[in-house]
């Protein structure tokens, strides 16, 4: 970017470039924020990615400039413009979960948090400049779009007539359209990997327990996980460095102790990260769903690129393991098992809002949303009563459910994954994240992914990375998948592939 104004080319503006620019005085945090606010004004009216703008963003940026000028220390994301997915609690803003019944502006109640969610608190502590909160579908119920949000649909800036991916549709669109540099997303069933892949971005779906999800409207506390979406692997890794680690508000994050690289996830990235790595390929042993003809061709090219980068490819390592037979879609392509705990999880979330919150229990929630019963016929979660442990979990939503069938399923998935990685000496899997290109924005078709359900139930980590485009212009992406706590290795492999191929195109 030498010789030009870096704020005139926001797509190339990385976290490292921001650090350098602030240190060298090339630009200020205030000017950087102003440039992204101008981008929001220019594009958000069309894309509908950001539903609430943060009026304190400029003052945050000015404070960073004052501290830098005084030689005071600043955080690792100082000045970096970021966005936050709507279901993540952020003081001063209602948490609406995309539902008109949970927003006073559309006749509902406002859920106003007394404290930030841990992930938002960590972004503030890192001195990121939070520009606003982003759009989602009602209760984050779909991995394809945000069409039923009270705020209206989010548009995919890469290919506007196709779905943007969900439920982190707004976060991905804000990143792709350069309204921010990185964004916080969250996944229960594809909601990081789908929108990242749909919009030609890098998404990190972490191991369950690596990042706290307290203070985030839940669908299933045993599946939900927060992760970053960015335009590059490096930026996603730097964001994960801030998000990862133990929080007393989320006891399961204690499992991350000793699993996080001492130097962070970004420090180990290497262009040689695929050299000699044994990479498992997609096949019917993983899931008995064929790829489309065009996906087959794009995946063949990606395999050649992996080999050129030094990888050793292993065909269908899950063949004969019984892994594919464990899958049992609940609705459409989606396996919802584990979500039976949603009522209990919602009760825990509501109690965290504080004693002055409009709703403080699941009973309050059910009464406030009775006009559109989420679990009843036609409700966005009407498929949940089909799940094996749902009825028992609903008998007393104030008690944590046992979920015996889900626990047995998770154990079965993990046993096979561990055995396959050991038997084939695998370093990772690299699959097409979707088995066919994106469906139309408006319609009944949903994203046909290859890894949702298996990853969410088992709790496995994954990283998406751009790998080309369909003839229509829709993005094609690989997803690198590994055993529990393998984020550092997956990021290194994804970085090596990104560096060797440079498939991503600017969206705007």
Protein backbone atom coordinates (compact mmCIF):
# COMPACT_ATOMS: atom_id res chain seq x y z
CA UNK A 1 0.00 0.00 0.00
CA UNK A 2 3.05 2.27 -0.14
CA UNK A 3 2.59 5.44 -2.16
CA UNK A 4 -1.21 5.38 -1.83
CA UNK A 5 -3.69 6.25 0.88
CA UNK A 6 -4.43 2.92 2.59
CA UNK A 7 -7.85 4.20 3.64
CA UNK A 8 -8.83 4.36 -0.02
CA UNK A 9 -8.51 0.58 -0.37
CA UNK A 10 -10.31 -0.86 2.64
CA UNK A 11 -10.34 -4.40 1.25
CA UNK A 12 -6.55 -4.62 1.66
CA UNK A 13 -6.57 -3.12 5.13
CA UNK A 14 -5.46 -5.83 7.56
CA UNK A 15 -4.88 -5.83 11.31
CA UNK A 16 -1.12 -5.73 10.71
CA UNK A 17 -1.51 -2.78 8.33
CA UNK A 18 -3.57 -0.97 10.96
CA UNK A 19 -0.90 -1.56 13.61
CA UNK A 20 1.76 -0.23 11.24
CA UNK A 21 -0.32 2.73 10.11
CA UNK A 22 -1.14 3.85 13.65
CA UNK A 23 2.45 3.41 14.79
CA UNK A 24 3.90 5.28 11.81
CA UNK A 25 1.29 8.02 11.85
CA UNK A 26 0.08 7.15 8.34
CA UNK A 27 -3.47 7.53 9.66
CA UNK A 28 -5.25 7.87 12.97
CA UNK A 29 -7.75 5.54 14.60
CA UNK A 30 -10.31 8.30 14.17
CA UNK A 31 -9.67 8.55 10.43
CA UNK A 32 -9.78 4.77 10.14
CA UNK A 33 -13.13 4.67 11.92
CA UNK A 34 -14.48 7.52 9.80
CA UNK A 35 -13.53 5.63 6.62
CA UNK A 36 -15.46 2.56 7.74
CA UNK A 37 -18.44 4.60 8.89
CA UNK A 38 -18.50 6.16 5.42
CA UNK A 39 -18.50 2.67 3.93
CA UNK A 40 -21.43 1.76 6.16
CA UNK A 41 -23.33 4.85 5.01
CA UNK A 42 -22.56 3.98 1.40
CA UNK A 43 -23.50 0.30 1.43
CA UNK A 44 -25.52 -0.70 4.47
CA UNK A 45 -28.76 0.70 3.09
CA UNK A 46 -28.51 -1.92 0.36
CA UNK A 47 -26.85 -4.81 2.18
CA UNK A 48 -28.62 -4.48 5.56
CA UNK A 49 -25.71 -6.01 7.44
CA UNK A 50 -25.58 -3.70 10.47
CA UNK A 51 -28.82 -3.17 12.40
CA UNK A 52 -27.51 -0.96 15.24
CA UNK A 53 -24.64 1.50 14.89
CA UNK A 54 -22.50 2.28 17.92
CA UNK A 55 -22.55 6.04 18.62
CA UNK A 56 -19.46 5.67 20.85
CA UNK A 57 -17.24 4.31 18.07
CA UNK A 58 -15.59 7.63 17.22
CA UNK A 59 -14.91 8.48 20.84
CA UNK A 60 -13.31 5.05 21.33
CA UNK A 61 -11.07 5.75 18.34
CA UNK A 62 -10.14 9.21 19.62
CA UNK A 63 -9.23 7.75 22.99
CA UNK A 64 -6.89 5.27 21.26
CA UNK A 65 -5.27 8.16 19.39
CA UNK A 66 -4.78 10.08 22.66
CA UNK A 67 -3.17 7.08 24.33
CA UNK A 68 -0.88 6.42 21.38
CA UNK A 69 0.19 10.06 21.29
CA UNK A 70 0.99 9.87 25.01
CA UNK A 71 3.06 6.73 24.53
CA UNK A 72 0.63 4.65 26.57
CA UNK A 73 0.07 0.95 25.85
CA UNK A 74 -2.86 -0.16 23.73
CA UNK A 75 -4.44 -3.54 23.10
CA UNK A 76 -3.66 -6.01 20.31
CA UNK A 77 -6.65 -4.90 18.21
CA UNK A 78 -6.19 -1.17 18.84
CA UNK A 79 -8.23 0.83 16.36
CA UNK A 80 -9.41 -2.23 14.42
CA UNK A 81 -13.02 -1.72 13.25
CA UNK A 82 -15.15 -4.71 14.24
CA UNK A 83 -18.80 -5.72 14.33
CA UNK A 84 -20.67 -7.94 16.76
CA UNK A 85 -23.42 -10.43 15.96
CA UNK A 86 -26.76 -9.28 17.37
CA UNK A 87 -27.31 -12.19 19.84
CA UNK A 88 -24.12 -11.25 21.74
CA UNK A 89 -24.91 -9.01 24.71
CA UNK A 90 -23.44 -5.53 24.44
CA UNK A 91 -24.28 -2.89 27.03
CA UNK A 92 -26.39 -0.09 25.62
CA UNK A 93 -28.02 -2.16 22.91
CA UNK A 94 -31.00 -4.51 22.94
CA UNK A 95 -30.24 -8.12 22.14
CA UNK A 96 -33.02 -8.93 19.68
CA UNK A 97 -32.00 -12.28 18.16
CA UNK A 98 -33.57 -11.03 14.95
CA UNK A 99 -37.10 -11.42 16.34
CA UNK A 100 -39.70 -8.64 16.22
CA UNK A 101 -41.09 -9.89 19.54
CA UNK A 102 -37.74 -9.15 21.19
CA UNK A 103 -37.41 -5.56 19.96
CA UNK A 104 -39.46 -2.60 21.14
CA UNK A 105 -39.06 -0.91 17.77
CA UNK A 106 -41.31 -3.58 16.29
CA UNK A 107 -43.72 -3.92 19.20
CA UNK A 108 -41.80 -6.43 21.32
CA UNK A 109 -39.81 -6.27 24.55
CA UNK A 110 -36.20 -5.16 24.78
CA UNK A 111 -33.62 -7.45 26.35
CA UNK A 112 -31.12 -4.91 27.69
CA UNK A 113 -28.02 -6.58 29.20
CA UNK A 114 -26.53 -5.22 32.40
CA UNK A 115 -23.06 -6.40 31.34
CA UNK A 116 -21.23 -7.24 28.14
CA UNK A 117 -20.90 -10.84 27.07
CA UNK A 118 -17.32 -12.08 27.70
CA UNK A 119 -16.48 -11.99 23.99
CA UNK A 120 -17.60 -8.37 23.65
CA UNK A 121 -15.71 -7.50 26.84
CA UNK A 122 -12.58 -9.09 25.36
CA UNK A 123 -12.91 -7.07 22.16
CA UNK A 124 -13.25 -3.87 24.19
CA UNK A 125 -10.25 -4.81 26.34
CA UNK A 126 -8.24 -5.38 23.14
CA UNK A 127 -9.11 -1.79 22.11
CA UNK A 128 -11.09 -2.81 19.05
CA UNK A 129 -13.50 -0.15 17.78
CA UNK A 130 -16.95 -1.74 17.77
CA UNK A 131 -18.97 -0.15 14.96
CA UNK A 132 -22.27 -1.91 15.57
CA UNK A 133 -24.33 -5.08 15.80
CA UNK A 134 -25.28 -7.26 12.85
CA UNK A 135 -28.38 -8.89 11.43
CA UNK A 136 -29.54 -12.47 12.03
CA UNK A 137 -32.65 -14.55 11.28
CA UNK A 138 -35.18 -15.13 14.05
CA UNK A 139 -33.41 -16.93 16.93
CA UNK A 140 -30.54 -17.70 14.53
CA UNK A 141 -32.65 -20.61 13.32
CA UNK A 142 -31.24 -21.01 9.80
CA UNK A 143 -27.77 -21.34 8.34
CA UNK A 144 -28.82 -19.93 4.97
CA UNK A 145 -30.14 -16.36 5.29
CA UNK A 146 -31.63 -13.63 7.51
CA UNK A 147 -34.79 -13.15 5.48
CA UNK A 148 -37.21 -13.29 8.43
CA UNK A 149 -35.35 -10.82 10.66
CA UNK A 150 -37.34 -7.86 11.96
CA UNK A 151 -34.71 -5.75 10.19
CA UNK A 152 -35.30 -7.42 6.82
CA UNK A 153 -32.98 -9.60 4.71
CA UNK A 154 -29.22 -9.24 4.58
CA UNK A 155 -27.86 -9.23 1.01
CA UNK A 156 -24.74 -11.12 -0.06
CA UNK A 157 -22.32 -8.48 -1.41
CA UNK A 158 -20.46 -11.08 -3.49
CA UNK A 159 -23.52 -12.33 -5.37
CA UNK A 160 -26.66 -10.41 -4.36
CA UNK A 161 -29.25 -12.79 -5.80
CA UNK A 162 -27.98 -15.73 -3.69
CA UNK A 163 -28.26 -16.43 0.04
CA UNK A 164 -25.64 -14.76 2.26
CA UNK A 165 -25.36 -17.76 4.58
CA UNK A 166 -26.61 -17.67 8.15
CA UNK A 167 -27.18 -17.13 10.85
CA UNK A 168 -24.17 -14.76 11.00
CA UNK A 169 -25.33 -13.23 7.73
CA UNK A 170 -24.83 -9.63 8.79
CA UNK A 171 -21.38 -10.16 10.25
CA UNK A 172 -20.13 -11.82 7.07
CA UNK A 173 -21.66 -9.14 4.83
CA UNK A 174 -20.10 -6.36 6.90
CA UNK A 175 -16.66 -7.99 6.60
CA UNK A 176 -17.02 -8.80 2.88
CA UNK A 177 -18.21 -5.27 2.08
CA UNK A 178 -15.34 -3.68 4.08
CA UNK A 179 -17.64 -2.05 6.63
CA UNK A 180 -15.23 -3.51 9.20
CA UNK A 181 -12.04 -5.58 9.26
CA UNK A 182 -13.21 -8.53 11.36
CA UNK A 183 -16.51 -9.59 12.88
CA UNK A 184 -17.80 -11.81 15.65
CA UNK A 185 -19.94 -14.73 14.54
CA UNK A 186 -21.44 -17.69 16.39
CA UNK A 187 -22.38 -21.21 15.36
CA UNK A 188 -24.80 -23.88 16.51
CA UNK A 189 -25.41 -25.39 13.09
CA UNK A 190 -23.17 -23.87 10.42
CA UNK A 191 -23.59 -20.21 11.35
CA UNK A 192 -19.87 -19.38 11.06
CA UNK A 193 -18.80 -21.69 8.26
CA UNK A 194 -21.85 -21.13 6.01
CA UNK A 195 -21.80 -17.31 5.81
CA UNK A 196 -18.01 -17.23 5.58
CA UNK A 197 -18.10 -19.66 2.67
CA UNK A 198 -21.09 -17.97 1.02
CA UNK A 199 -19.25 -14.65 0.96
CA UNK A 200 -15.70 -15.72 0.14
CA UNK A 201 -14.29 -15.22 3.65
CA UNK A 202 -12.27 -16.98 6.33
CA UNK A 203 -14.26 -18.32 9.25
CA UNK A 204 -12.99 -20.12 12.35
CA UNK A 205 -15.43 -22.51 14.01
CA UNK A 206 -13.56 -23.29 17.26
CA UNK A 207 -13.59 -26.37 19.44
CA UNK A 208 -16.47 -26.25 21.90
CA UNK A 209 -15.00 -24.78 25.08
CA UNK A 210 -12.25 -22.67 23.49
CA UNK A 211 -14.26 -19.42 23.44
CA UNK A 212 -16.89 -18.45 26.05
CA UNK A 213 -20.47 -18.12 24.86
CA UNK A 214 -22.05 -16.79 28.05
CA UNK A 215 -24.17 -13.74 27.32
CA UNK A 216 -25.06 -14.98 23.84
CA UNK A 217 -28.67 -15.96 23.06
CA UNK A 218 -28.39 -19.76 22.96
CA UNK A 219 -29.77 -22.50 20.78
CA UNK A 220 -27.75 -25.23 22.49
CA UNK A 221 -25.09 -24.48 25.08
CA UNK A 222 -23.44 -27.82 24.27
CA UNK A 223 -23.11 -26.86 20.57
CA UNK A 224 -22.93 -23.05 20.52
CA UNK A 225 -19.52 -21.50 19.88
CA UNK A 226 -18.29 -17.98 19.06
CA UNK A 227 -15.63 -17.41 16.42
CA UNK A 228 -14.29 -14.76 14.03
CA UNK A 229 -15.00 -14.06 10.37
CA UNK A 230 -12.33 -12.13 8.45
CA UNK A 231 -10.98 -11.55 4.96
CA UNK A 232 -7.68 -13.34 5.67
CA UNK A 233 -6.50 -16.26 7.75
CA UNK A 234 -4.05 -14.03 9.63
CA UNK A 235 -6.74 -11.57 10.69
CA UNK A 236 -9.04 -14.39 11.80
CA UNK A 237 -6.21 -15.93 13.83
CA UNK A 238 -5.36 -12.59 15.48
CA UNK A 239 -8.99 -12.18 16.47
CA UNK A 240 -9.09 -15.72 17.88
CA UNK A 241 -6.04 -14.83 19.98
CA UNK A 242 -8.23 -12.26 21.76
CA UNK A 243 -11.36 -14.41 22.06
CA UNK A 244 -9.92 -17.73 23.23
CA UNK A 245 -9.46 -18.86 26.81
CA UNK A 246 -11.04 -19.46 30.18
CA UNK A 247 -13.90 -17.34 31.46
CA UNK A 248 -15.42 -17.88 34.90
CA UNK A 249 -18.80 -17.14 33.32
CA UNK A 250 -18.51 -20.24 31.12
CA UNK A 251 -17.04 -23.15 33.08
CA UNK A 252 -16.61 -25.38 30.03
CA UNK A 253 -13.84 -23.04 28.86
CA UNK A 254 -11.67 -24.49 31.62
CA UNK A 255 -11.08 -27.34 29.15
CA UNK A 256 -9.09 -24.90 26.97
CA UNK A 257 -6.36 -24.60 29.58
CA UNK A 258 -3.11 -25.87 28.09
CA UNK A 259 -4.67 -26.12 24.61
CA UNK A 260 -3.88 -22.59 23.40
CA UNK A 261 -0.45 -21.90 21.84
CA UNK A 262 1.68 -19.80 24.18
CA UNK A 263 2.56 -17.42 21.35
CA UNK A 264 -0.97 -17.29 19.98
CA UNK A 265 -2.62 -18.68 16.87
CA UNK A 266 -1.26 -16.14 14.42
CA UNK A 267 2.40 -16.55 15.38
CA UNK A 268 2.71 -20.04 13.92
CA UNK A 269 1.33 -19.33 10.45
CA UNK A 270 3.64 -20.50 7.68
CA UNK A 271 3.52 -20.63 3.90
CA UNK A 272 5.03 -24.11 4.26
CA UNK A 273 2.19 -25.28 6.46
CA UNK A 274 1.01 -28.00 4.04
CA UNK A 275 4.40 -29.55 3.39
CA UNK A 276 4.21 -33.27 4.16
CA UNK A 277 0.78 -32.96 5.79
CA UNK A 278 -1.58 -35.89 5.34
CA UNK A 279 -4.97 -34.53 4.37
CA UNK A 280 -8.17 -36.61 4.24
CA UNK A 281 -10.63 -36.02 1.38
CA UNK A 282 -14.41 -35.91 1.22
CA UNK A 283 -16.21 -39.12 0.35
CA UNK A 284 -19.23 -41.29 1.19
CA UNK A 285 -17.49 -42.59 4.31
CA UNK A 286 -17.91 -39.12 5.82
CA UNK A 287 -21.32 -38.37 4.34
CA UNK A 288 -23.22 -40.22 1.64
CA UNK A 289 -24.19 -37.08 -0.28
CA UNK A 290 -22.64 -36.53 -3.71
CA UNK A 291 -21.06 -33.32 -4.90
CA UNK A 292 -22.50 -31.44 -7.88
CA UNK A 293 -20.60 -31.74 -11.17
CA UNK A 294 -19.20 -28.22 -10.91
CA UNK A 295 -18.20 -28.79 -7.28
CA UNK A 296 -16.41 -31.97 -8.32
CA UNK A 297 -14.38 -29.97 -10.85
CA UNK A 298 -13.56 -27.19 -8.38
CA UNK A 299 -12.59 -29.72 -5.72
CA UNK A 300 -10.32 -31.51 -8.20
CA UNK A 301 -8.48 -28.24 -8.82
CA UNK A 302 -8.24 -27.61 -5.07
CA UNK A 303 -6.78 -31.09 -4.55
CA UNK A 304 -4.14 -30.33 -7.16
CA UNK A 305 -3.35 -27.08 -5.37
CA UNK A 306 -3.02 -28.91 -2.05
CA UNK A 307 -0.61 -31.40 -3.61
CA UNK A 308 1.39 -28.59 -5.22
CA UNK A 309 1.73 -27.07 -1.74
CA UNK A 310 3.22 -30.33 -0.47
CA UNK A 311 0.20 -32.13 0.99
CA UNK A 312 -0.29 -35.89 0.82
CA UNK A 313 -3.93 -36.65 0.02
CA UNK A 314 -5.86 -39.60 1.48
CA UNK A 315 -9.07 -40.65 -0.29
CA UNK A 316 -12.19 -41.04 1.87
CA UNK A 317 -10.45 -42.08 5.11
CA UNK A 318 -13.83 -42.63 6.81
CA UNK A 319 -14.82 -45.43 4.43
CA UNK A 320 -16.01 -48.50 6.32
CA UNK A 321 -16.07 -46.78 9.73
CA UNK A 322 -19.83 -46.33 10.09
CA UNK A 323 -19.37 -42.58 10.52
CA UNK A 324 -21.88 -41.58 7.82
CA UNK A 325 -24.56 -43.81 9.34
CA UNK A 326 -24.53 -41.74 12.54
CA UNK A 327 -26.06 -38.79 10.70
CA UNK A 328 -29.83 -38.41 11.03
CA UNK A 329 -31.14 -35.06 9.69
CA UNK A 330 -33.97 -33.62 11.76
CA UNK A 331 -35.26 -31.14 9.21
CA UNK A 332 -34.02 -30.79 5.64
CA UNK A 333 -30.24 -31.17 5.69
CA UNK A 334 -29.91 -30.19 9.36
CA UNK A 335 -29.18 -32.53 12.27
CA UNK A 336 -30.42 -30.72 15.38
CA UNK A 337 -29.60 -33.28 18.03
CA UNK A 338 -28.27 -31.63 21.17
CA UNK A 339 -30.61 -28.65 20.85
CA UNK A 340 -33.13 -30.21 23.24
CA UNK A 341 -31.62 -28.14 26.06
CA UNK A 342 -32.70 -24.83 24.48
CA UNK A 343 -35.34 -23.97 27.13
CA UNK A 344 -32.93 -24.50 30.02
CA UNK A 345 -30.17 -22.66 28.16
CA UNK A 346 -32.46 -19.70 27.45
CA UNK A 347 -33.36 -19.53 31.14
CA UNK A 348 -29.67 -19.35 32.06
CA UNK A 349 -29.12 -16.63 29.46
CA UNK A 350 -32.04 -14.54 30.69
CA UNK A 351 -30.95 -14.72 34.33
CA UNK A 352 -27.56 -13.34 33.30
CA UNK A 353 -29.21 -10.19 31.88
CA UNK A 354 -29.75 -8.97 35.43
CA UNK A 355 -32.70 -8.53 37.82
CA UNK A 356 -34.05 -5.50 35.96
CA UNK A 357 -34.36 -7.30 32.62
CA UNK A 358 -37.75 -7.44 30.91
CA UNK A 359 -37.58 -11.24 30.91
CA UNK A 360 -35.73 -13.26 33.54
CA UNK A 361 -36.93 -16.84 33.02
CA UNK A 362 -37.93 -19.23 30.27
CA UNK A 363 -41.54 -18.92 31.46
CA UNK A 364 -41.31 -15.15 30.87
CA UNK A 365 -39.79 -15.79 27.45
CA UNK A 366 -42.54 -18.24 26.46
CA UNK A 367 -45.26 -15.79 27.51
CA UNK A 368 -43.65 -12.85 25.69
CA UNK A 369 -43.30 -14.83 22.46
CA UNK A 370 -46.53 -16.86 22.62
CA UNK A 371 -47.89 -15.08 19.53
CA UNK A 372 -45.20 -16.84 17.49
CA UNK A 373 -44.46 -19.94 19.56
CA UNK A 374 -41.01 -20.97 18.38
CA UNK A 375 -41.62 -24.64 19.19
CA UNK A 376 -45.22 -24.88 17.96
CA UNK A 377 -46.53 -25.67 14.46
CA UNK A 378 -45.04 -23.19 12.03
CA UNK A 379 -42.55 -21.90 14.59
CA UNK A 380 -38.92 -21.44 13.63
CA UNK A 381 -37.90 -24.31 15.95
CA UNK A 382 -40.96 -26.51 15.32
CA UNK A 383 -38.65 -29.43 14.50
CA UNK A 384 -37.33 -29.68 18.05
CA UNK A 385 -40.21 -31.81 19.43
CA UNK A 386 -39.05 -34.56 17.06
CA UNK A 387 -35.76 -34.92 18.92
CA UNK A 388 -35.35 -37.89 21.26
CA UNK A 389 -34.54 -36.00 24.47
CA UNK A 390 -36.78 -32.95 23.92
CA UNK A 391 -39.87 -33.99 25.87
CA UNK A 392 -37.88 -34.90 28.97
CA UNK A 393 -35.94 -31.64 28.77
CA UNK A 394 -39.15 -29.59 28.54
CA UNK A 395 -40.82 -31.18 31.56
CA UNK A 396 -38.93 -28.80 33.81
CA UNK A 397 -36.97 -26.14 31.89
CA UNK A 398 -35.40 -24.92 35.13
CA UNK A 399 -33.42 -28.16 35.50
CA UNK A 400 -30.41 -29.01 33.31
CA UNK A 401 -31.40 -31.94 31.07
CA UNK A 402 -29.34 -35.13 30.86
CA UNK A 403 -29.54 -35.56 27.03
CA UNK A 404 -28.39 -39.20 27.08
CA UNK A 405 -28.86 -39.81 23.34
CA UNK A 406 -26.91 -36.68 22.41
CA UNK A 407 -24.03 -37.59 24.73
CA UNK A 408 -23.85 -41.11 23.28
CA UNK A 409 -23.88 -39.70 19.74
CA UNK A 410 -21.12 -37.19 20.51
CA UNK A 411 -18.99 -39.97 21.99
CA UNK A 412 -19.51 -42.15 18.92
CA UNK A 413 -18.49 -39.34 16.56
CA UNK A 414 -15.36 -38.57 18.57
CA UNK A 415 -14.30 -42.22 18.81
CA UNK A 416 -14.43 -42.63 15.04
CA UNK A 417 -12.70 -39.31 14.32
CA UNK A 418 -9.86 -40.13 16.71
CA UNK A 419 -9.48 -43.63 15.25
CA UNK A 420 -9.47 -42.39 11.64
CA UNK A 421 -6.87 -39.72 12.36
CA UNK A 422 -4.68 -42.28 14.12
CA UNK A 423 -5.11 -45.09 11.58
CA UNK A 424 -4.33 -42.85 8.58
CA UNK A 425 -1.89 -40.58 10.45
CA UNK A 426 -3.94 -37.60 9.29
CA UNK A 427 -3.11 -34.00 10.00
CA UNK A 428 -6.47 -32.64 8.83
CA UNK A 429 -9.42 -33.08 6.50
CA UNK A 430 -10.02 -30.71 3.59
CA UNK A 431 -13.54 -30.82 2.14
CA UNK A 432 -15.65 -28.60 -0.08
CA UNK A 433 -17.64 -26.70 2.55
CA UNK A 434 -20.73 -26.91 0.31
CA UNK A 435 -21.56 -29.71 -2.07
CA UNK A 436 -23.24 -27.39 -4.57
CA UNK A 437 -23.39 -23.67 -5.20
CA UNK A 438 -25.51 -21.20 -3.27
CA UNK A 439 -29.30 -21.26 -3.72
CA UNK A 440 -31.36 -18.14 -4.57
CA UNK A 441 -31.83 -15.48 -1.91
CA UNK A 442 -35.59 -15.90 -1.82
CA UNK A 443 -37.03 -19.40 -1.96
CA UNK A 444 -37.21 -22.63 -0.03
CA UNK A 445 -33.77 -24.03 -0.89
CA UNK A 446 -31.11 -24.07 1.82
CA UNK A 447 -27.32 -24.26 1.74
CA UNK A 448 -26.18 -27.83 1.13
CA UNK A 449 -23.09 -28.01 3.31
CA UNK A 450 -20.90 -31.03 4.00
CA UNK A 451 -19.81 -30.48 7.61
CA UNK A 452 -22.67 -28.99 9.66
CA UNK A 453 -24.04 -31.36 12.27
CA UNK A 454 -21.02 -33.61 12.42
CA UNK A 455 -18.80 -30.72 13.52
CA UNK A 456 -21.37 -29.14 15.80
CA UNK A 457 -22.32 -32.35 17.59
CA UNK A 458 -18.74 -33.60 17.95
CA UNK A 459 -17.49 -30.10 18.84
CA UNK A 460 -14.67 -30.24 16.27
CA UNK A 461 -12.84 -27.13 15.02
CA UNK A 462 -12.71 -26.00 11.40
CA UNK A 463 -11.40 -23.17 9.23
CA UNK A 464 -12.94 -22.08 5.92
CA UNK A 465 -10.80 -20.54 3.20
CA UNK A 466 -11.61 -19.25 -0.32
CA UNK A 467 -10.85 -21.81 -3.05
CA UNK A 468 -12.35 -20.34 -6.22
CA UNK A 469 -15.71 -19.50 -7.74
CA UNK A 470 -18.51 -21.19 -9.60
CA UNK A 471 -19.31 -19.99 -13.11
CA UNK A 472 -22.12 -17.93 -11.61
CA UNK A 473 -19.65 -16.04 -9.42
CA UNK A 474 -20.74 -17.78 -6.21
CA UNK A 475 -17.76 -18.52 -3.96
CA UNK A 476 -16.32 -22.02 -3.58
CA UNK A 477 -14.48 -22.75 -0.32
CA UNK A 478 -12.51 -25.48 1.34
CA UNK A 479 -13.00 -26.26 5.00
CA UNK A 480 -10.07 -27.64 7.00
CA UNK A 481 -11.28 -29.88 9.84
CA UNK A 482 -9.29 -31.47 12.65
CA UNK A 483 -9.56 -33.18 16.04
CA UNK A 484 -10.46 -31.27 19.18
CA UNK A 485 -8.11 -28.34 19.95
CA UNK A 486 -6.33 -28.48 16.57
CA UNK A 487 -7.03 -24.84 15.63
CA UNK A 488 -3.34 -23.90 15.39
CA UNK A 489 -2.59 -26.67 12.90
CA UNK A 490 -5.72 -25.97 10.84
CA UNK A 491 -4.92 -22.28 10.64
CA UNK A 492 -1.38 -23.00 9.47
CA UNK A 493 -2.69 -25.31 6.73
CA UNK A 494 -5.38 -22.83 5.68
CA UNK A 495 -2.79 -20.04 5.61
CA UNK A 496 -0.49 -22.10 3.40
CA UNK A 497 -3.35 -22.79 0.99
CA UNK A 498 -4.44 -19.14 1.00
CA UNK A 499 -0.87 -17.98 0.36
CA UNK A 500 -0.37 -20.43 -2.50
CA UNK A 501 -3.67 -19.71 -4.28
CA UNK A 502 -4.98 -16.22 -3.48
CA UNK A 503 -8.49 -17.12 -4.67
CA UNK A 504 -10.38 -14.46 -2.76
CA UNK A 505 -11.81 -11.56 -4.78
CA UNK A 506 -12.91 -8.21 -3.36
CA UNK A 507 -16.69 -8.11 -3.01
CA UNK A 508 -17.09 -4.38 -3.53
